[in-house]
Amino acid sequence: MKRSVQLAGVGIFAAIIGGVAAPATAQTTASRSIDASIGYQMLHIPNQTYPVGFNVDVSRAMNDRWRLVGELGLAMDEQSESGVSGDLSFFHFGAGPRLVAPMRHVQPFVQLLAGAVHPRANLIVNGAPLDDNDWAFMLQPGAGINVPVGNVVSVFGQGDYRRAFFREEGENEFRFSFGVRFGLR
C-alpha cells in the first residue's frame, strides 16, 4: 500500500512537470521541441544495489544541440536477510543541460544534472523497527545514446555517475537506465 502511494505521488509530480514544460503556441517550431521519456533504472550505492526502479524525464530544446532537462526517478529493493527485513527506496530529482549530437541514426548525448536524493529505509533489524531517511544535494553527470525508431519514438540507454553530498559523508553512486523517448511538438 505504501509503495503504491509513493508511486502515485511520483506519477503526479511527473505530470505536473510535463504540464509546466509545455510551450506557448506562439513560439516557433524549433523552440517548441519537447521530448519525454520513461524507462527502467538500476542504481548502485555503496554496499547496496537497487535492482528495480524507473526514471522519467522531460526536456526542451534550446537549439539544435542543447536541451534543458528535468528528471526524477525511484529505485527500490526489498531486504530479506537473516535478522533484517523490509523495504528500501531511493528517490532523486534534478535538472540541467543536455548536449546532443544531432545525427540521423544515433544521437549520443552528455548531461549534467543538479538536484537532490532521498534514501529511505523501512526495516526490521533483529526484531526492532528502523525507519531512516535523509536528503542530500547531488550532482549527476551522465552519457548515453538515443536511437530513433520512428518519427516520434526512440529508445535510449544511459549511464550516470552520481555524487550525493550527505551531511555525514559524500557517496559515489552509479546508475544504468534504458527506455523509450517520445518527441512531442
N, C-alpha and C. Protein backbone atom coordinates (compact mmCIF):
# COMPACT_ATOMS: atom_id res chain seq x y z
N MET A 1 0.82 -1.19 0.00
CA MET A 1 0.00 0.00 0.00
C MET A 1 0.86 1.25 0.00
N LYS A 2 1.88 1.29 0.88
CA LYS A 2 2.75 2.45 0.99
C LYS A 2 3.50 2.69 -0.33
N ARG A 3 3.95 1.59 -0.97
CA ARG A 3 4.68 1.71 -2.23
C ARG A 3 3.78 2.27 -3.32
N SER A 4 2.51 1.85 -3.39
CA SER A 4 1.61 2.37 -4.42
C SER A 4 1.32 3.85 -4.19
N VAL A 5 1.27 4.30 -2.94
CA VAL A 5 1.08 5.72 -2.66
C VAL A 5 2.30 6.50 -3.12
N GLN A 6 3.51 5.98 -2.88
CA GLN A 6 4.73 6.64 -3.34
C GLN A 6 4.76 6.73 -4.86
N LEU A 7 4.42 5.63 -5.54
CA LEU A 7 4.43 5.64 -7.00
C LEU A 7 3.39 6.61 -7.55
N ALA A 8 2.23 6.69 -6.93
CA ALA A 8 1.21 7.63 -7.38
C ALA A 8 1.70 9.06 -7.21
N GLY A 9 2.37 9.36 -6.11
CA GLY A 9 2.91 10.70 -5.89
C GLY A 9 3.95 11.07 -6.92
N VAL A 10 4.83 10.13 -7.24
CA VAL A 10 5.85 10.38 -8.26
C VAL A 10 5.19 10.61 -9.62
N GLY A 11 4.15 9.83 -9.94
CA GLY A 11 3.45 10.00 -11.22
C GLY A 11 2.78 11.35 -11.32
N ILE A 12 2.17 11.81 -10.23
CA ILE A 12 1.53 13.13 -10.23
C ILE A 12 2.58 14.22 -10.40
N PHE A 13 3.72 14.09 -9.72
CA PHE A 13 4.79 15.06 -9.86
C PHE A 13 5.30 15.12 -11.30
N ALA A 14 5.45 13.95 -11.95
CA ALA A 14 5.90 13.90 -13.34
C ALA A 14 4.89 14.58 -14.26
N ALA A 15 3.60 14.38 -14.01
CA ALA A 15 2.58 15.02 -14.83
C ALA A 15 2.61 16.53 -14.68
N ILE A 16 2.87 17.01 -13.46
CA ILE A 16 2.97 18.45 -13.24
C ILE A 16 4.15 19.02 -13.98
N ILE A 17 5.31 18.34 -13.90
CA ILE A 17 6.50 18.80 -14.62
C ILE A 17 6.21 18.84 -16.12
N GLY A 18 5.57 17.80 -16.65
CA GLY A 18 5.25 17.77 -18.07
C GLY A 18 4.31 18.89 -18.47
N GLY A 19 3.35 19.22 -17.62
CA GLY A 19 2.42 20.31 -17.93
C GLY A 19 3.08 21.66 -17.88
N VAL A 20 4.00 21.87 -16.93
CA VAL A 20 4.69 23.13 -16.82
C VAL A 20 5.63 23.35 -18.00
N ALA A 21 6.18 22.27 -18.54
CA ALA A 21 7.15 22.38 -19.62
C ALA A 21 6.52 22.65 -20.97
N ALA A 22 5.20 22.66 -21.10
CA ALA A 22 4.55 22.88 -22.38
C ALA A 22 4.77 24.31 -22.86
N PRO A 23 5.16 24.50 -24.14
CA PRO A 23 5.44 25.83 -24.65
C PRO A 23 4.16 26.56 -25.05
N ALA A 24 4.27 27.87 -25.18
CA ALA A 24 3.17 28.67 -25.69
C ALA A 24 3.03 28.42 -27.18
N THR A 25 1.83 28.49 -27.72
CA THR A 25 1.61 28.16 -29.13
C THR A 25 2.20 29.20 -30.06
N ALA A 26 2.52 30.39 -29.58
CA ALA A 26 3.08 31.42 -30.44
C ALA A 26 4.57 31.22 -30.68
N GLN A 27 5.20 30.29 -29.98
CA GLN A 27 6.63 30.07 -30.16
C GLN A 27 6.88 29.35 -31.49
N THR A 28 8.10 29.49 -32.00
CA THR A 28 8.45 28.84 -33.26
C THR A 28 8.55 27.34 -33.07
N THR A 29 8.52 26.61 -34.18
CA THR A 29 8.59 25.15 -34.13
C THR A 29 9.89 24.68 -33.48
N ALA A 30 11.02 25.32 -33.78
CA ALA A 30 12.30 24.90 -33.23
C ALA A 30 12.32 25.04 -31.71
N SER A 31 11.72 26.11 -31.17
CA SER A 31 11.76 26.30 -29.73
C SER A 31 10.70 25.47 -29.00
N ARG A 32 9.76 24.84 -29.73
CA ARG A 32 8.72 24.03 -29.10
C ARG A 32 9.09 22.56 -29.03
N SER A 33 10.26 22.19 -29.46
CA SER A 33 10.65 20.78 -29.50
C SER A 33 10.83 20.24 -28.08
N ILE A 34 9.88 19.41 -27.68
CA ILE A 34 9.89 18.82 -26.34
C ILE A 34 9.90 17.31 -26.48
N ASP A 35 10.64 16.63 -25.60
CA ASP A 35 10.53 15.18 -25.56
C ASP A 35 10.37 14.72 -24.11
N ALA A 36 9.80 13.56 -23.98
CA ALA A 36 9.58 12.95 -22.66
C ALA A 36 9.99 11.50 -22.74
N SER A 37 10.57 10.98 -21.68
CA SER A 37 10.99 9.58 -21.69
C SER A 37 10.62 8.91 -20.38
N ILE A 38 10.48 7.61 -20.48
CA ILE A 38 10.24 6.77 -19.31
C ILE A 38 11.07 5.51 -19.49
N GLY A 39 11.65 5.04 -18.40
CA GLY A 39 12.49 3.87 -18.52
C GLY A 39 12.77 3.17 -17.21
N TYR A 40 13.44 2.06 -17.31
CA TYR A 40 13.90 1.25 -16.19
C TYR A 40 15.23 1.80 -15.71
N GLN A 41 15.47 1.74 -14.42
CA GLN A 41 16.79 2.10 -13.90
C GLN A 41 17.24 1.10 -12.85
N MET A 42 18.54 0.88 -12.81
CA MET A 42 19.18 0.09 -11.77
C MET A 42 20.20 1.00 -11.11
N LEU A 43 20.16 1.09 -9.80
CA LEU A 43 21.01 2.00 -9.04
C LEU A 43 21.94 1.21 -8.13
N HIS A 44 23.21 1.61 -8.09
CA HIS A 44 24.16 1.02 -7.15
C HIS A 44 24.74 2.13 -6.28
N ILE A 45 24.57 1.98 -4.97
CA ILE A 45 25.20 2.86 -4.00
C ILE A 45 26.18 1.99 -3.22
N PRO A 46 27.05 2.57 -2.40
CA PRO A 46 27.98 1.72 -1.66
C PRO A 46 27.27 0.63 -0.86
N ASN A 47 27.65 -0.60 -1.08
CA ASN A 47 27.16 -1.79 -0.36
C ASN A 47 25.69 -2.13 -0.63
N GLN A 48 25.08 -1.56 -1.67
CA GLN A 48 23.67 -1.85 -1.93
C GLN A 48 23.36 -1.61 -3.41
N THR A 49 22.65 -2.56 -4.02
CA THR A 49 22.15 -2.38 -5.38
C THR A 49 20.62 -2.41 -5.33
N TYR A 50 20.02 -1.43 -5.96
CA TYR A 50 18.57 -1.35 -6.09
C TYR A 50 18.22 -1.87 -7.48
N PRO A 51 17.73 -3.11 -7.59
CA PRO A 51 17.55 -3.72 -8.90
C PRO A 51 16.31 -3.26 -9.66
N VAL A 52 15.35 -2.66 -8.98
CA VAL A 52 14.10 -2.27 -9.62
C VAL A 52 13.90 -0.77 -9.46
N GLY A 53 13.63 -0.11 -10.56
CA GLY A 53 13.37 1.32 -10.49
C GLY A 53 12.88 1.85 -11.81
N PHE A 54 12.44 3.09 -11.78
CA PHE A 54 12.02 3.74 -13.02
C PHE A 54 12.53 5.17 -13.00
N ASN A 55 12.55 5.74 -14.18
CA ASN A 55 13.07 7.07 -14.39
C ASN A 55 12.20 7.76 -15.43
N VAL A 56 11.84 9.02 -15.21
CA VAL A 56 11.13 9.81 -16.22
C VAL A 56 11.88 11.13 -16.38
N ASP A 57 11.85 11.65 -17.59
CA ASP A 57 12.40 12.99 -17.79
C ASP A 57 11.64 13.70 -18.89
N VAL A 58 11.73 15.01 -18.85
CA VAL A 58 11.15 15.88 -19.87
C VAL A 58 12.24 16.85 -20.25
N SER A 59 12.44 17.07 -21.56
CA SER A 59 13.45 18.03 -21.98
C SER A 59 12.89 18.94 -23.06
N ARG A 60 13.47 20.13 -23.14
CA ARG A 60 13.06 21.14 -24.11
C ARG A 60 14.30 21.61 -24.85
N ALA A 61 14.18 21.68 -26.17
CA ALA A 61 15.30 22.12 -27.00
C ALA A 61 15.53 23.62 -26.82
N MET A 62 16.77 23.98 -26.59
CA MET A 62 17.16 25.39 -26.56
C MET A 62 17.65 25.80 -27.95
N ASN A 63 18.27 24.85 -28.65
CA ASN A 63 18.67 24.98 -30.07
C ASN A 63 18.86 23.55 -30.58
N ASP A 64 19.53 23.36 -31.72
CA ASP A 64 19.64 22.02 -32.28
C ASP A 64 20.60 21.10 -31.53
N ARG A 65 21.38 21.60 -30.58
CA ARG A 65 22.32 20.78 -29.82
C ARG A 65 22.04 20.76 -28.31
N TRP A 66 21.55 21.84 -27.76
CA TRP A 66 21.38 21.96 -26.31
C TRP A 66 19.92 21.79 -25.92
N ARG A 67 19.72 21.03 -24.85
CA ARG A 67 18.38 20.83 -24.29
C ARG A 67 18.44 21.10 -22.80
N LEU A 68 17.34 21.54 -22.23
CA LEU A 68 17.20 21.67 -20.79
C LEU A 68 16.34 20.51 -20.33
N VAL A 69 16.84 19.73 -19.37
CA VAL A 69 16.16 18.51 -18.96
C VAL A 69 15.82 18.53 -17.47
N GLY A 70 14.66 18.00 -17.13
CA GLY A 70 14.25 17.77 -15.75
C GLY A 70 13.97 16.28 -15.59
N GLU A 71 14.44 15.70 -14.52
CA GLU A 71 14.36 14.24 -14.37
C GLU A 71 13.99 13.88 -12.93
N LEU A 72 13.28 12.77 -12.80
CA LEU A 72 13.05 12.19 -11.48
C LEU A 72 13.00 10.69 -11.61
N GLY A 73 13.33 10.03 -10.52
CA GLY A 73 13.35 8.57 -10.54
C GLY A 73 13.20 7.99 -9.15
N LEU A 74 12.86 6.73 -9.12
CA LEU A 74 12.69 5.99 -7.88
C LEU A 74 13.27 4.60 -8.07
N ALA A 75 14.13 4.19 -7.16
CA ALA A 75 14.70 2.84 -7.16
C ALA A 75 14.29 2.16 -5.86
N MET A 76 14.02 0.85 -5.93
CA MET A 76 13.51 0.12 -4.76
C MET A 76 14.20 -1.23 -4.61
N ASP A 77 14.21 -1.69 -3.36
CA ASP A 77 14.73 -3.01 -3.06
C ASP A 77 14.04 -3.52 -1.81
N GLU A 78 13.91 -4.83 -1.71
CA GLU A 78 13.36 -5.48 -0.52
C GLU A 78 14.47 -6.26 0.16
N GLN A 79 14.56 -6.12 1.47
CA GLN A 79 15.56 -6.83 2.25
C GLN A 79 14.90 -8.04 2.91
N SER A 80 15.52 -9.20 2.79
CA SER A 80 15.01 -10.40 3.46
C SER A 80 16.18 -11.29 3.85
N GLU A 81 17.10 -10.69 4.59
CA GLU A 81 18.28 -11.42 5.07
C GLU A 81 18.06 -11.84 6.52
N SER A 82 18.94 -12.63 7.03
CA SER A 82 18.84 -13.08 8.42
C SER A 82 18.91 -11.86 9.35
N GLY A 83 17.84 -11.62 10.10
CA GLY A 83 17.80 -10.52 11.05
C GLY A 83 17.40 -9.17 10.47
N VAL A 84 17.25 -9.09 9.16
CA VAL A 84 16.89 -7.82 8.51
C VAL A 84 15.81 -8.07 7.47
N SER A 85 14.72 -7.32 7.57
CA SER A 85 13.68 -7.42 6.55
C SER A 85 13.02 -6.05 6.41
N GLY A 86 12.48 -5.80 5.21
CA GLY A 86 11.80 -4.53 4.98
C GLY A 86 12.07 -3.99 3.60
N ASP A 87 11.75 -2.71 3.43
CA ASP A 87 11.86 -2.05 2.13
C ASP A 87 12.86 -0.91 2.16
N LEU A 88 13.56 -0.77 1.03
CA LEU A 88 14.45 0.36 0.80
C LEU A 88 13.97 1.10 -0.44
N SER A 89 14.01 2.41 -0.41
CA SER A 89 13.69 3.19 -1.61
C SER A 89 14.68 4.34 -1.72
N PHE A 90 14.87 4.79 -2.95
CA PHE A 90 15.84 5.85 -3.22
C PHE A 90 15.25 6.74 -4.30
N PHE A 91 14.81 7.93 -3.93
CA PHE A 91 14.18 8.89 -4.84
C PHE A 91 15.20 9.96 -5.23
N HIS A 92 15.16 10.40 -6.47
CA HIS A 92 16.02 11.50 -6.90
C HIS A 92 15.27 12.40 -7.87
N PHE A 93 15.68 13.66 -7.91
CA PHE A 93 15.21 14.58 -8.94
C PHE A 93 16.32 15.58 -9.23
N GLY A 94 16.33 16.07 -10.46
CA GLY A 94 17.35 17.03 -10.85
C GLY A 94 17.02 17.69 -12.17
N ALA A 95 17.79 18.70 -12.49
CA ALA A 95 17.61 19.43 -13.75
C ALA A 95 18.97 19.95 -14.20
N GLY A 96 19.09 20.17 -15.51
CA GLY A 96 20.34 20.70 -16.03
C GLY A 96 20.40 20.60 -17.54
N PRO A 97 21.57 20.91 -18.11
CA PRO A 97 21.73 20.90 -19.57
C PRO A 97 22.06 19.51 -20.11
N ARG A 98 21.61 19.25 -21.33
CA ARG A 98 21.95 18.04 -22.08
C ARG A 98 22.48 18.48 -23.43
N LEU A 99 23.66 18.01 -23.81
CA LEU A 99 24.25 18.29 -25.11
C LEU A 99 24.04 17.06 -25.99
N VAL A 100 23.35 17.25 -27.13
CA VAL A 100 23.00 16.14 -28.02
C VAL A 100 23.71 16.34 -29.35
N ALA A 101 24.31 15.28 -29.87
CA ALA A 101 24.89 15.32 -31.22
C ALA A 101 23.74 15.05 -32.20
N PRO A 102 23.36 16.04 -33.01
CA PRO A 102 22.19 15.90 -33.88
C PRO A 102 22.47 15.06 -35.13
N MET A 103 22.64 13.75 -34.94
CA MET A 103 22.87 12.85 -36.06
C MET A 103 21.57 12.14 -36.40
N ARG A 104 21.48 11.57 -37.58
CA ARG A 104 20.23 10.99 -38.05
C ARG A 104 19.90 9.64 -37.42
N HIS A 105 20.86 8.71 -37.37
CA HIS A 105 20.56 7.33 -36.95
C HIS A 105 20.84 7.04 -35.49
N VAL A 106 21.80 7.70 -34.90
CA VAL A 106 22.09 7.59 -33.47
C VAL A 106 22.38 8.99 -32.96
N GLN A 107 22.00 9.25 -31.73
CA GLN A 107 22.21 10.57 -31.15
C GLN A 107 22.86 10.43 -29.78
N PRO A 108 24.20 10.44 -29.73
CA PRO A 108 24.86 10.40 -28.43
C PRO A 108 24.59 11.70 -27.66
N PHE A 109 24.59 11.60 -26.34
CA PHE A 109 24.38 12.80 -25.53
C PHE A 109 25.16 12.72 -24.23
N VAL A 110 25.44 13.87 -23.67
CA VAL A 110 26.00 14.00 -22.33
C VAL A 110 25.13 15.01 -21.58
N GLN A 111 25.06 14.86 -20.27
CA GLN A 111 24.26 15.78 -19.49
C GLN A 111 24.85 15.95 -18.10
N LEU A 112 24.48 17.03 -17.44
CA LEU A 112 24.89 17.28 -16.07
C LEU A 112 23.67 17.80 -15.31
N LEU A 113 23.23 17.02 -14.34
CA LEU A 113 22.06 17.39 -13.55
C LEU A 113 22.48 17.75 -12.12
N ALA A 114 21.78 18.71 -11.57
CA ALA A 114 21.93 19.07 -10.16
C ALA A 114 20.56 18.91 -9.52
N GLY A 115 20.53 18.40 -8.31
CA GLY A 115 19.24 18.19 -7.66
C GLY A 115 19.40 17.61 -6.27
N ALA A 116 18.54 16.65 -5.94
CA ALA A 116 18.55 16.07 -4.60
C ALA A 116 18.25 14.58 -4.65
N VAL A 117 18.72 13.87 -3.65
CA VAL A 117 18.41 12.45 -3.46
C VAL A 117 17.76 12.29 -2.09
N HIS A 118 16.91 11.26 -1.99
CA HIS A 118 16.20 10.99 -0.74
C HIS A 118 16.12 9.47 -0.53
N PRO A 119 17.10 8.88 0.17
CA PRO A 119 17.01 7.46 0.50
C PRO A 119 16.12 7.26 1.73
N ARG A 120 15.42 6.12 1.74
CA ARG A 120 14.54 5.80 2.87
C ARG A 120 14.63 4.30 3.14
N ALA A 121 14.78 3.95 4.41
CA ALA A 121 14.82 2.55 4.85
C ALA A 121 13.70 2.34 5.85
N ASN A 122 12.84 1.37 5.57
CA ASN A 122 11.77 0.97 6.48
C ASN A 122 12.01 -0.51 6.79
N LEU A 123 12.79 -0.77 7.85
CA LEU A 123 13.30 -2.11 8.11
C LEU A 123 12.96 -2.60 9.50
N ILE A 124 13.03 -3.91 9.67
CA ILE A 124 13.01 -4.57 10.97
C ILE A 124 14.39 -5.20 11.12
N VAL A 125 15.17 -4.71 12.06
CA VAL A 125 16.54 -5.19 12.29
C VAL A 125 16.58 -5.89 13.64
N ASN A 126 16.79 -7.22 13.63
CA ASN A 126 16.82 -8.03 14.85
C ASN A 126 15.59 -7.77 15.73
N GLY A 127 14.42 -7.68 15.09
CA GLY A 127 13.16 -7.51 15.81
C GLY A 127 12.79 -6.08 16.15
N ALA A 128 13.68 -5.12 15.91
CA ALA A 128 13.41 -3.72 16.23
C ALA A 128 13.16 -2.93 14.94
N PRO A 129 12.13 -2.08 14.94
CA PRO A 129 11.86 -1.28 13.74
C PRO A 129 12.92 -0.20 13.53
N LEU A 130 13.26 0.03 12.27
CA LEU A 130 14.20 1.08 11.89
C LEU A 130 13.58 1.83 10.72
N ASP A 131 13.27 3.10 10.94
CA ASP A 131 12.72 3.96 9.89
C ASP A 131 13.69 5.12 9.73
N ASP A 132 14.48 5.09 8.66
CA ASP A 132 15.54 6.07 8.48
C ASP A 132 15.38 6.71 7.10
N ASN A 133 15.56 8.02 7.03
CA ASN A 133 15.56 8.70 5.74
C ASN A 133 16.44 9.94 5.84
N ASP A 134 16.85 10.45 4.68
CA ASP A 134 17.77 11.57 4.63
C ASP A 134 17.58 12.30 3.31
N TRP A 135 18.07 13.51 3.22
CA TRP A 135 18.10 14.28 1.98
C TRP A 135 19.53 14.73 1.74
N ALA A 136 19.91 14.82 0.46
CA ALA A 136 21.25 15.31 0.14
C ALA A 136 21.24 15.96 -1.24
N PHE A 137 22.10 16.94 -1.41
CA PHE A 137 22.33 17.56 -2.72
C PHE A 137 23.07 16.56 -3.58
N MET A 138 22.80 16.56 -4.90
CA MET A 138 23.50 15.66 -5.80
C MET A 138 23.94 16.38 -7.07
N LEU A 139 25.03 15.91 -7.63
CA LEU A 139 25.47 16.26 -8.99
C LEU A 139 25.56 14.95 -9.75
N GLN A 140 24.99 14.94 -10.95
CA GLN A 140 24.92 13.69 -11.71
C GLN A 140 25.31 13.91 -13.17
N PRO A 141 26.60 13.71 -13.50
CA PRO A 141 26.98 13.70 -14.91
C PRO A 141 26.66 12.35 -15.52
N GLY A 142 26.29 12.36 -16.79
CA GLY A 142 25.95 11.11 -17.45
C GLY A 142 26.13 11.20 -18.95
N ALA A 143 26.10 10.05 -19.58
CA ALA A 143 26.22 9.97 -21.03
C ALA A 143 25.34 8.84 -21.52
N GLY A 144 24.89 8.97 -22.76
CA GLY A 144 24.04 7.92 -23.31
C GLY A 144 23.90 8.04 -24.80
N ILE A 145 23.01 7.22 -25.32
CA ILE A 145 22.75 7.22 -26.75
C ILE A 145 21.25 7.06 -26.97
N ASN A 146 20.75 7.81 -27.92
CA ASN A 146 19.34 7.80 -28.29
C ASN A 146 19.27 7.26 -29.72
N VAL A 147 18.42 6.26 -29.97
CA VAL A 147 18.31 5.66 -31.31
C VAL A 147 16.87 5.82 -31.79
N PRO A 148 16.64 6.68 -32.77
CA PRO A 148 15.28 6.83 -33.30
C PRO A 148 14.78 5.55 -33.96
N VAL A 149 13.53 5.18 -33.68
CA VAL A 149 12.90 4.01 -34.31
C VAL A 149 11.64 4.44 -35.06
N GLY A 150 11.47 5.72 -35.25
CA GLY A 150 10.34 6.29 -35.98
C GLY A 150 10.43 7.79 -35.92
N ASN A 151 9.40 8.47 -36.41
CA ASN A 151 9.41 9.93 -36.39
C ASN A 151 9.24 10.50 -34.99
N VAL A 152 8.57 9.78 -34.12
CA VAL A 152 8.25 10.30 -32.80
C VAL A 152 8.91 9.50 -31.68
N VAL A 153 9.16 8.22 -31.89
CA VAL A 153 9.64 7.32 -30.84
C VAL A 153 11.11 6.99 -31.05
N SER A 154 11.84 6.92 -29.94
CA SER A 154 13.22 6.45 -29.96
C SER A 154 13.47 5.64 -28.68
N VAL A 155 14.53 4.86 -28.69
CA VAL A 155 14.95 4.14 -27.49
C VAL A 155 16.27 4.74 -27.03
N PHE A 156 16.51 4.69 -25.72
CA PHE A 156 17.74 5.26 -25.19
C PHE A 156 18.35 4.32 -24.17
N GLY A 157 19.62 4.48 -23.98
CA GLY A 157 20.36 3.82 -22.91
C GLY A 157 21.35 4.84 -22.37
N GLN A 158 21.54 4.85 -21.06
CA GLN A 158 22.49 5.81 -20.50
C GLN A 158 23.07 5.29 -19.20
N GLY A 159 24.25 5.80 -18.88
CA GLY A 159 24.92 5.50 -17.63
C GLY A 159 25.26 6.82 -16.95
N ASP A 160 25.13 6.85 -15.63
CA ASP A 160 25.36 8.07 -14.87
C ASP A 160 26.23 7.79 -13.65
N TYR A 161 27.08 8.73 -13.35
CA TYR A 161 27.78 8.77 -12.07
C TYR A 161 27.06 9.83 -11.24
N ARG A 162 26.79 9.52 -10.01
CA ARG A 162 26.11 10.49 -9.14
C ARG A 162 26.93 10.67 -7.87
N ARG A 163 27.17 11.91 -7.51
CA ARG A 163 27.82 12.22 -6.23
C ARG A 163 26.76 12.82 -5.33
N ALA A 164 26.45 12.14 -4.23
CA ALA A 164 25.49 12.63 -3.25
C ALA A 164 26.26 13.20 -2.07
N PHE A 165 25.93 14.41 -1.68
CA PHE A 165 26.66 15.12 -0.63
C PHE A 165 25.87 15.06 0.69
N PHE A 166 25.89 13.88 1.33
CA PHE A 166 25.23 13.73 2.62
C PHE A 166 26.01 14.47 3.69
N ARG A 167 25.33 14.88 4.74
CA ARG A 167 25.95 15.64 5.82
C ARG A 167 27.10 14.87 6.46
N GLU A 168 26.90 13.56 6.65
CA GLU A 168 27.92 12.74 7.30
C GLU A 168 29.14 12.55 6.40
N GLU A 169 28.89 12.19 5.14
CA GLU A 169 29.97 11.99 4.16
C GLU A 169 29.37 11.88 2.77
N GLY A 170 30.19 12.17 1.77
CA GLY A 170 29.75 12.05 0.39
C GLY A 170 29.67 10.60 -0.03
N GLU A 171 28.90 10.36 -1.10
CA GLU A 171 28.68 8.98 -1.55
C GLU A 171 28.76 8.92 -3.07
N ASN A 172 29.50 7.94 -3.59
CA ASN A 172 29.57 7.71 -5.02
C ASN A 172 28.52 6.69 -5.41
N GLU A 173 27.68 7.05 -6.39
CA GLU A 173 26.59 6.19 -6.84
C GLU A 173 26.66 6.04 -8.35
N PHE A 174 26.15 4.92 -8.85
CA PHE A 174 26.16 4.65 -10.28
C PHE A 174 24.78 4.16 -10.70
N ARG A 175 24.35 4.61 -11.88
CA ARG A 175 23.02 4.26 -12.36
C ARG A 175 23.09 3.90 -13.84
N PHE A 176 22.34 2.87 -14.20
CA PHE A 176 22.16 2.50 -15.59
C PHE A 176 20.67 2.56 -15.88
N SER A 177 20.29 3.15 -17.00
CA SER A 177 18.87 3.19 -17.36
C SER A 177 18.70 3.01 -18.86
N PHE A 178 17.55 2.49 -19.23
CA PHE A 178 17.16 2.40 -20.64
C PHE A 178 15.66 2.50 -20.71
N GLY A 179 15.17 2.95 -21.88
CA GLY A 179 13.73 3.11 -22.02
C GLY A 179 13.32 3.68 -23.36
N VAL A 180 12.18 4.34 -23.36
CA VAL A 180 11.57 4.88 -24.58
C VAL A 180 11.43 6.39 -24.43
N ARG A 181 11.76 7.11 -25.49
CA ARG A 181 11.65 8.57 -25.51
C ARG A 181 10.67 8.94 -26.62
N PHE A 182 9.77 9.88 -26.30
CA PHE A 182 8.75 10.34 -27.25
C PHE A 182 8.98 11.81 -27.58
N GLY A 183 9.04 12.12 -28.85
CA GLY A 183 9.16 13.51 -29.28
C GLY A 183 7.79 14.15 -29.34
N LEU A 184 7.61 15.25 -28.63
CA LEU A 184 6.34 15.96 -28.61
C LEU A 184 6.55 17.34 -29.25
N ARG A 185 5.67 17.75 -30.10
CA ARG A 185 5.82 19.06 -30.74
C ARG A 185 4.60 19.89 -30.58
